[in-house]
Amino acid sequence: MGHGGGGALSAELVEHLLVPAYGNETLAALGDCAQVSLGGARLAMSTDSYVVRPVFFPGGSIGDLAVNGTVNDLAMSGARAAFLSCALIVEEGTDMAVLRRVAQAIGTAAAAADVAVVTGDTKVVDAGHGDGVYVNTAGIGLVPEGVDIRPQRAAPGDAVIVSGPLGLHGVAVMSVREGLEFGVEICSDTAPLGGLVQAMLAVTPDIHALRDPTRGGLGAALNEIAAASGTGVVLAERDLPVPEAVANACGFLGLDPLYVANEGLLVAFVPRQHADAVLAAMRAHPHGAGAAVIGECVADHPGTVVARTGLGGTRVVDLPLGEQLPRIC
């Protein structure tokens, strides 16, 4: 399970087994999506599979995730998604009403993200060899001229900005999976982020790096960018926007909010001279209203992420080994 968790074991599997087997420079860049040229157009392409359990949770469903997750991966290159494929793997015996709800959620989310599901596939597996419904989506979109967003471009002096509160999706799924109550309903933050990214690019095309911290959470995303760019990252722990309900739930479950998955959140590395304007544009957008500067990119300790604690000390934010909460996206 750890090999699918978005942490160190996942990185080991991808970098030492899959990338050498497939062998090309585009894949080796290890971005949220691939950027390729075709017929004179610069395209972004991504694919993702969703195995969340349960398939319905406060704030969304596996159908919402399947659309928003792929749309957001494309957005992390600055691309606006245009077309999606959708493949369903359905376990024998699954109630047709469940499948209908998932399909309707996919259609509704696609309309909200302004993308079209133009092709797909359906497979049925024997009872006991699936878990209700699995979904795979792939997407393509156009990368605007003059935009070059990739983890390798993060540079010392960049402000590190998150678009909203941390940990909502992971805690929402865990609460219904385990039947836990935290005094207030916690809803997933699943949302399409293409519009937010376009609002940021309208301020400046010179955004260095973007990531949507899903599996492995913000901690994993920051470590991936630090490693790819050969820079260090310093976080101000007291500036991290962790909702009280998420903090309480994580304390109860023994989790670190930095490693809890999000599905409607991005982290941006923005040159310091543009940071205030980009932050203002984010806060003016519905999906960035809670945006905050949480740290900076530095030349010290390359490839390492550290957090300054409220007491004035520091701690290393390592790449997690696996995933604190499995099967949540």
Protein backbone atom coordinates (compact mmCIF):
# COMPACT_ATOMS: atom_id res chain seq x y z
CA MET A 1 0.00 0.00 0.00
CA GLY A 2 2.90 2.32 0.73
CA HIS A 3 4.04 2.13 -2.89
CA GLY A 4 0.80 3.84 -3.90
CA GLY A 5 0.81 6.46 -1.16
CA GLY A 6 2.62 9.35 -2.83
CA GLY A 7 5.61 9.27 -0.48
CA ALA A 8 9.15 7.89 -0.57
CA LEU A 9 8.05 4.38 -1.55
CA SER A 10 6.01 5.74 -4.46
CA ALA A 11 8.95 7.84 -5.60
CA GLU A 12 11.22 4.80 -5.43
CA LEU A 13 8.81 2.73 -7.53
CA VAL A 14 8.40 5.43 -10.17
CA GLU A 15 12.01 6.57 -10.41
CA HIS A 16 13.74 3.17 -10.25
CA LEU A 17 11.26 0.88 -12.01
CA LEU A 18 8.74 2.73 -14.16
CA VAL A 19 10.76 5.64 -15.58
CA PRO A 20 13.65 3.39 -16.68
CA ALA A 21 11.18 0.97 -18.27
CA TYR A 22 9.40 3.68 -20.28
CA GLY A 23 12.54 5.73 -20.87
CA ASN A 24 11.89 9.24 -22.17
CA GLU A 25 12.79 12.77 -21.12
CA THR A 26 9.19 13.98 -20.91
CA LEU A 27 8.27 11.37 -18.32
CA ALA A 28 11.55 11.84 -16.45
CA ALA A 29 10.55 15.44 -15.64
CA LEU A 30 8.02 13.97 -13.16
CA GLY A 31 5.57 16.86 -13.24
CA ASP A 32 1.89 16.66 -12.37
CA CYS A 33 1.34 16.36 -16.11
CA ALA A 34 3.40 15.94 -19.28
CA GLN A 35 4.02 18.84 -21.62
CA VAL A 36 4.38 17.81 -25.26
CA SER A 37 4.32 19.46 -28.69
CA LEU A 38 1.99 18.19 -31.40
CA GLY A 39 1.21 19.87 -34.70
CA GLY A 40 2.64 23.15 -33.51
CA ALA A 41 0.51 23.17 -30.34
CA ARG A 42 1.91 22.89 -26.83
CA LEU A 43 -0.22 20.37 -24.97
CA ALA A 44 -0.45 19.21 -21.38
CA MET A 45 -1.56 15.63 -20.76
CA SER A 46 -2.29 13.75 -17.56
CA THR A 47 -3.94 10.58 -16.32
CA ASP A 48 -5.00 9.44 -12.85
CA SER A 49 -6.91 6.57 -11.24
CA TYR A 50 -9.27 6.90 -8.29
CA VAL A 51 -9.90 4.15 -5.75
CA VAL A 52 -11.36 6.15 -2.85
CA ARG A 53 -13.32 4.31 -0.19
CA PRO A 54 -16.14 5.11 0.47
CA VAL A 55 -17.12 6.42 -2.97
CA PHE A 56 -19.36 9.11 -1.42
CA PHE A 57 -18.19 11.41 1.35
CA PRO A 58 -19.03 14.87 2.76
CA GLY A 59 -18.43 17.42 0.01
CA GLY A 60 -18.05 15.06 -2.92
CA SER A 61 -17.59 11.61 -4.39
CA ILE A 62 -15.22 9.54 -6.47
CA GLY A 63 -16.87 11.13 -9.53
CA ASP A 64 -15.92 14.67 -8.47
CA LEU A 65 -12.37 13.57 -7.69
CA ALA A 66 -11.96 11.85 -11.05
CA VAL A 67 -12.72 15.07 -12.92
CA ASN A 68 -11.19 17.63 -10.59
CA GLY A 69 -8.02 15.66 -9.98
CA THR A 70 -7.12 15.43 -13.66
CA VAL A 71 -8.23 19.00 -14.41
CA ASN A 72 -6.01 20.18 -11.55
CA ASP A 73 -2.99 18.17 -12.70
CA LEU A 74 -3.24 19.93 -16.06
CA ALA A 75 -3.69 23.30 -14.37
CA MET A 76 -0.38 22.82 -12.53
CA SER A 77 1.37 23.45 -15.87
CA GLY A 78 -0.77 26.51 -16.54
CA ALA A 79 -2.97 24.60 -18.99
CA ARG A 80 -6.73 24.86 -19.09
CA ALA A 81 -8.21 21.38 -19.52
CA ALA A 82 -10.29 20.83 -22.66
CA PHE A 83 -11.11 17.12 -23.01
CA LEU A 84 -11.24 14.10 -20.72
CA SER A 85 -11.47 10.36 -21.15
CA CYS A 86 -13.17 8.32 -18.44
CA ALA A 87 -12.79 4.60 -17.74
CA LEU A 88 -14.90 2.76 -15.16
CA ILE A 89 -13.93 -0.53 -13.51
CA VAL A 90 -17.06 -1.83 -11.79
CA GLU A 91 -17.30 -4.76 -9.40
CA GLU A 92 -19.97 -7.35 -10.22
CA GLY A 93 -22.98 -6.80 -7.97
CA THR A 94 -22.57 -3.06 -7.59
CA ASP A 95 -25.97 -1.39 -7.26
CA MET A 96 -26.91 0.36 -10.49
CA ALA A 97 -28.09 3.35 -8.45
CA VAL A 98 -24.54 3.77 -7.10
CA LEU A 99 -23.09 3.68 -10.60
CA ARG A 100 -25.69 6.20 -11.77
CA ARG A 101 -24.76 8.60 -8.94
CA VAL A 102 -21.07 8.31 -9.81
CA ALA A 103 -21.73 8.91 -13.51
CA GLN A 104 -23.92 11.92 -12.76
CA ALA A 105 -21.25 13.33 -10.45
CA ILE A 106 -18.68 12.99 -13.24
CA GLY A 107 -20.97 14.81 -15.67
CA THR A 108 -21.78 17.59 -13.21
CA ALA A 109 -18.13 18.11 -12.25
CA ALA A 110 -17.08 18.16 -15.92
CA ALA A 111 -19.65 20.84 -16.68
CA ALA A 112 -18.46 22.90 -13.69
CA ALA A 113 -14.85 22.61 -14.87
CA ASP A 114 -15.84 23.45 -18.47
CA VAL A 115 -14.43 20.22 -19.90
CA ALA A 116 -16.03 17.52 -22.05
CA VAL A 117 -15.80 13.77 -21.43
CA VAL A 118 -15.33 12.66 -25.03
CA THR A 119 -14.31 9.01 -24.78
CA GLY A 120 -14.28 6.20 -22.26
CA ASP A 121 -14.34 2.54 -21.37
CA THR A 122 -16.19 0.24 -18.98
CA LYS A 123 -15.01 -3.05 -17.51
CA VAL A 124 -16.72 -5.34 -14.99
CA VAL A 125 -14.66 -7.54 -12.67
CA ASP A 126 -15.80 -10.54 -10.61
CA ALA A 127 -17.41 -9.96 -7.23
CA GLY A 128 -14.69 -9.75 -4.59
CA HIS A 129 -12.08 -8.54 -7.09
CA GLY A 130 -12.90 -4.84 -6.89
CA ASP A 131 -14.31 -2.36 -4.43
CA GLY A 132 -17.52 -1.08 -6.01
CA VAL A 133 -16.28 1.42 -8.57
CA TYR A 134 -12.81 2.53 -9.66
CA VAL A 135 -12.43 5.43 -12.07
CA ASN A 136 -9.60 6.49 -14.37
CA THR A 137 -9.56 9.82 -16.17
CA ALA A 138 -7.05 11.25 -18.63
CA GLY A 139 -7.08 14.80 -19.90
CA ILE A 140 -5.49 17.15 -22.39
CA GLY A 141 -5.29 20.93 -22.52
CA LEU A 142 -3.37 23.77 -24.13
CA VAL A 143 -0.46 25.49 -22.39
CA PRO A 144 -0.52 29.26 -23.03
CA GLU A 145 2.35 30.89 -24.90
CA GLY A 146 5.04 32.27 -22.60
CA VAL A 147 4.10 30.11 -19.61
CA ASP A 148 6.80 27.80 -18.19
CA ILE A 149 5.61 26.25 -14.94
CA ARG A 150 7.55 23.25 -13.65
CA PRO A 151 9.12 22.19 -10.34
CA GLN A 152 12.66 22.67 -11.65
CA ARG A 153 12.07 26.46 -11.88
CA ALA A 154 11.58 27.06 -8.15
CA ALA A 155 14.33 29.48 -7.09
CA PRO A 156 15.71 31.07 -3.92
CA GLY A 157 13.65 34.12 -3.03
CA ASP A 158 10.36 32.67 -4.23
CA ALA A 159 7.38 33.09 -1.93
CA VAL A 160 5.56 29.85 -1.14
CA ILE A 161 1.79 30.36 -1.25
CA VAL A 162 -1.07 27.93 -0.57
CA SER A 163 -4.55 28.62 -1.91
CA GLY A 164 -6.55 27.63 1.17
CA PRO A 165 -6.93 25.46 4.27
CA LEU A 166 -5.07 22.16 4.63
CA GLY A 167 -6.28 18.64 5.26
CA LEU A 168 -10.00 18.93 4.58
CA HIS A 169 -10.30 16.10 2.04
CA GLY A 170 -8.36 13.47 3.94
CA VAL A 171 -10.15 14.12 7.22
CA ALA A 172 -13.57 14.21 5.51
CA VAL A 173 -13.03 10.77 3.98
CA MET A 174 -11.62 9.30 7.17
CA SER A 175 -14.51 10.63 9.24
CA VAL A 176 -17.12 8.71 7.24
CA ARG A 177 -14.93 5.64 6.74
CA GLU A 178 -14.39 5.18 10.45
CA GLY A 179 -17.69 6.67 11.65
CA LEU A 180 -15.92 9.42 13.57
CA GLU A 181 -17.50 12.68 14.73
CA PHE A 182 -15.50 15.80 15.51
CA GLY A 183 -18.31 18.11 16.64
CA VAL A 184 -18.61 19.70 13.20
CA GLU A 185 -18.95 18.20 9.73
CA ILE A 186 -15.73 18.40 7.77
CA CYS A 187 -16.27 18.50 4.00
CA SER A 188 -13.82 17.68 1.25
CA ASP A 189 -12.33 20.65 -0.58
CA THR A 190 -12.56 18.94 -4.00
CA ALA A 191 -12.76 21.64 -6.68
CA PRO A 192 -11.43 22.45 -10.18
CA LEU A 193 -8.50 24.87 -9.96
CA GLY A 194 -8.10 25.83 -13.62
CA GLY A 195 -9.88 29.15 -13.17
CA LEU A 196 -7.78 30.03 -10.14
CA VAL A 197 -4.56 29.35 -12.05
CA GLN A 198 -5.75 31.48 -14.97
CA ALA A 199 -6.44 34.34 -12.53
CA MET A 200 -2.90 34.01 -11.21
CA LEU A 201 -1.41 33.96 -14.70
CA ALA A 202 -3.37 37.11 -15.57
CA VAL A 203 -1.21 38.88 -12.97
CA THR A 204 2.07 37.44 -14.29
CA PRO A 205 3.00 34.50 -16.51
CA ASP A 206 6.20 34.18 -14.48
CA ILE A 207 4.97 31.66 -11.92
CA HIS A 208 7.80 29.24 -11.28
CA ALA A 209 6.11 26.11 -9.89
CA LEU A 210 2.65 24.81 -8.99
CA ARG A 211 1.56 21.58 -7.34
CA ASP A 212 -1.74 20.24 -6.07
CA PRO A 213 -0.87 18.37 -2.86
CA THR A 214 -3.06 15.28 -3.03
CA ARG A 215 -1.49 11.98 -1.88
CA GLY A 216 1.23 12.72 0.64
CA GLY A 217 -0.22 16.18 1.29
CA LEU A 218 1.64 19.48 1.30
CA GLY A 219 4.71 17.90 2.89
CA ALA A 220 5.24 15.53 -0.05
CA ALA A 221 4.56 18.24 -2.66
CA LEU A 222 7.11 20.62 -1.14
CA ASN A 223 9.73 17.89 -0.91
CA GLU A 224 9.20 16.99 -4.57
CA ILE A 225 9.68 20.61 -5.67
CA ALA A 226 12.72 21.10 -3.44
CA ALA A 227 14.34 17.95 -4.84
CA ALA A 228 13.57 18.83 -8.46
CA SER A 229 14.88 22.39 -8.17
CA GLY A 230 17.83 21.72 -5.87
CA THR A 231 16.66 24.40 -3.44
CA GLY A 232 15.52 24.46 0.16
CA VAL A 233 12.13 25.45 1.55
CA VAL A 234 11.46 27.15 4.87
CA LEU A 235 7.90 27.14 6.24
CA ALA A 236 6.48 29.29 9.02
CA GLU A 237 4.49 26.71 10.96
CA ARG A 238 2.24 29.30 12.60
CA ASP A 239 1.21 30.60 9.12
CA LEU A 240 -0.07 27.23 7.91
CA PRO A 241 -3.86 27.52 7.39
CA VAL A 242 -4.99 24.44 9.28
CA PRO A 243 -8.67 24.68 10.31
CA GLU A 244 -9.33 24.02 13.97
CA ALA A 245 -11.54 21.02 13.16
CA VAL A 246 -8.77 19.46 11.03
CA ALA A 247 -6.17 20.14 13.72
CA ASN A 248 -8.40 18.51 16.35
CA ALA A 249 -9.12 15.51 14.11
CA CYS A 250 -5.43 15.07 13.30
CA GLY A 251 -4.54 15.29 16.98
CA PHE A 252 -7.14 12.63 17.77
CA LEU A 253 -5.95 10.34 14.96
CA GLY A 254 -2.24 10.97 15.45
CA LEU A 255 -1.80 12.57 12.01
CA ASP A 256 0.25 15.53 10.76
CA PRO A 257 -1.89 17.93 8.68
CA LEU A 258 1.12 18.53 6.41
CA TYR A 259 0.76 14.97 5.10
CA VAL A 260 -3.04 14.78 4.79
CA ALA A 261 -4.41 14.80 1.23
CA ASN A 262 -6.17 17.80 -0.32
CA GLU A 263 -8.27 17.87 -3.50
CA GLY A 264 -8.97 21.57 -4.08
CA LEU A 265 -5.69 23.12 -2.98
CA LEU A 266 -2.53 24.26 -4.75
CA VAL A 267 0.89 25.42 -3.62
CA ALA A 268 2.68 28.04 -5.73
CA PHE A 269 6.29 29.19 -5.92
CA VAL A 270 6.13 32.81 -7.05
CA PRO A 271 8.98 35.33 -7.51
CA ARG A 272 8.94 37.68 -4.54
CA GLN A 273 8.29 40.78 -6.69
CA HIS A 274 5.00 39.28 -7.92
CA ALA A 275 3.89 37.59 -4.69
CA ASP A 276 1.62 40.32 -3.31
CA ALA A 277 -0.24 40.79 -6.60
CA VAL A 278 -0.64 37.04 -7.13
CA LEU A 279 -1.86 36.60 -3.55
CA ALA A 280 -4.46 39.35 -4.05
CA ALA A 281 -5.68 37.71 -7.27
CA MET A 282 -5.97 34.36 -5.53
CA ARG A 283 -7.97 35.80 -2.65
CA ALA A 284 -10.36 37.42 -5.13
CA HIS A 285 -11.19 34.00 -6.61
CA PRO A 286 -13.69 31.65 -4.89
CA HIS A 287 -11.18 28.79 -4.79
CA GLY A 288 -8.39 30.95 -3.38
CA ALA A 289 -10.20 33.03 -0.77
CA GLY A 290 -8.10 31.51 2.02
CA ALA A 291 -4.75 31.90 0.25
CA ALA A 292 -1.74 32.61 2.44
CA VAL A 293 2.03 32.97 2.21
CA ILE A 294 3.48 30.12 4.28
CA GLY A 295 7.20 30.35 3.60
CA GLU A 296 9.98 30.91 1.11
CA CYS A 297 12.40 29.12 -1.17
CA VAL A 298 16.05 29.38 -0.07
CA ALA A 299 19.53 28.46 -1.27
CA ASP A 300 20.37 26.79 2.05
CA HIS A 301 19.85 23.06 2.71
CA PRO A 302 19.08 22.18 -0.95
CA GLY A 303 16.42 19.51 -1.38
CA THR A 304 15.25 19.83 2.21
CA VAL A 305 12.06 21.31 3.67
CA VAL A 306 12.11 22.70 7.20
CA ALA A 307 9.43 24.31 9.34
CA ARG A 308 10.01 27.05 11.90
CA THR A 309 7.96 26.24 14.97
CA GLY A 310 6.07 28.70 17.12
CA LEU A 311 8.75 28.33 19.80
CA GLY A 312 11.50 29.49 17.47
CA GLY A 313 12.99 26.10 16.68
CA THR A 314 12.99 24.21 13.40
CA ARG A 315 12.03 20.72 12.33
CA VAL A 316 12.68 18.85 9.11
CA VAL A 317 9.59 18.06 7.05
CA ASP A 318 10.60 14.76 5.44
CA LEU A 319 9.05 13.07 2.45
CA PRO A 320 6.60 10.60 4.04
CA LEU A 321 7.38 6.91 3.61
CA GLY A 322 3.89 6.04 2.42
CA GLU A 323 0.47 7.49 3.12
CA GLN A 324 -1.09 8.25 6.49
CA LEU A 325 -4.60 7.66 5.13
CA PRO A 326 -4.79 5.01 2.36
CA ARG A 327 -7.47 4.85 -0.32
CA ILE A 328 -8.63 8.45 -0.11
CA CYS A 329 -8.16 9.55 -3.73
